[in-house]
Each structure stands twice: as C-alpha cells, then as structure tokens.
Amino acid sequence: MIGATAEADLLTRLRAGDEQAFKVLVERHHRTMLAVARQYVSTRAVAQEVVREAWRSRRFSAALSRCATSRAATSARNAAVRFVK
C-alpha cells in the first residue's frame, strides 16, 4: 500500500510542476482508472482514450490534489460517462 506521506509528497511536487511526480502518479493509478473506465465503455481502446483525457483534465489535476486514488477512479468514471453521452 502507498503511504499517505509519500502520496502527499508526490501531490505537492505535482502542483510545483514536477514531471517525474506526474509519471509516478500515472504509474500508480493508471491501471485502476482504466479498470473503472472499462466498466462504462465498450472497448479497451475507448477506455484508454477516456483515461488519457482524464489525466489531461484540469479538474482531474485539482481532484488529484485532494485525494489521488479514489478521485482518480472517479475521474475515469466521469470521463467515461461523458464519452458515452
């Protein structure tokens, strides 16, 4: 399990523009986000696009600073729902 302190440090670094922190967060949360998105769309390719869009989203960046793991999944779900509509 990821320590809250380590996650908080990554989020602080992310807000400061640290690209390596972003890469670490993507590595940690991308798989979960993909699994959530896949529940809402018809193909893996679409789910991957949905997750890419979620990572690019400014709302996601703000949400990440509040609570990375659950908000990552929520962001993927919301992006998938928007895609389906």
Foldseek 3Di string as FASTA:
>chain_A
DDDPVVLLVLLVCVVVPNVVSLVVLCVVAVVLLLVLLCVQDDDSVVLNVLLVVLSVDPVNNVVCNVPNHVSSNVSSNVSSVVVVD
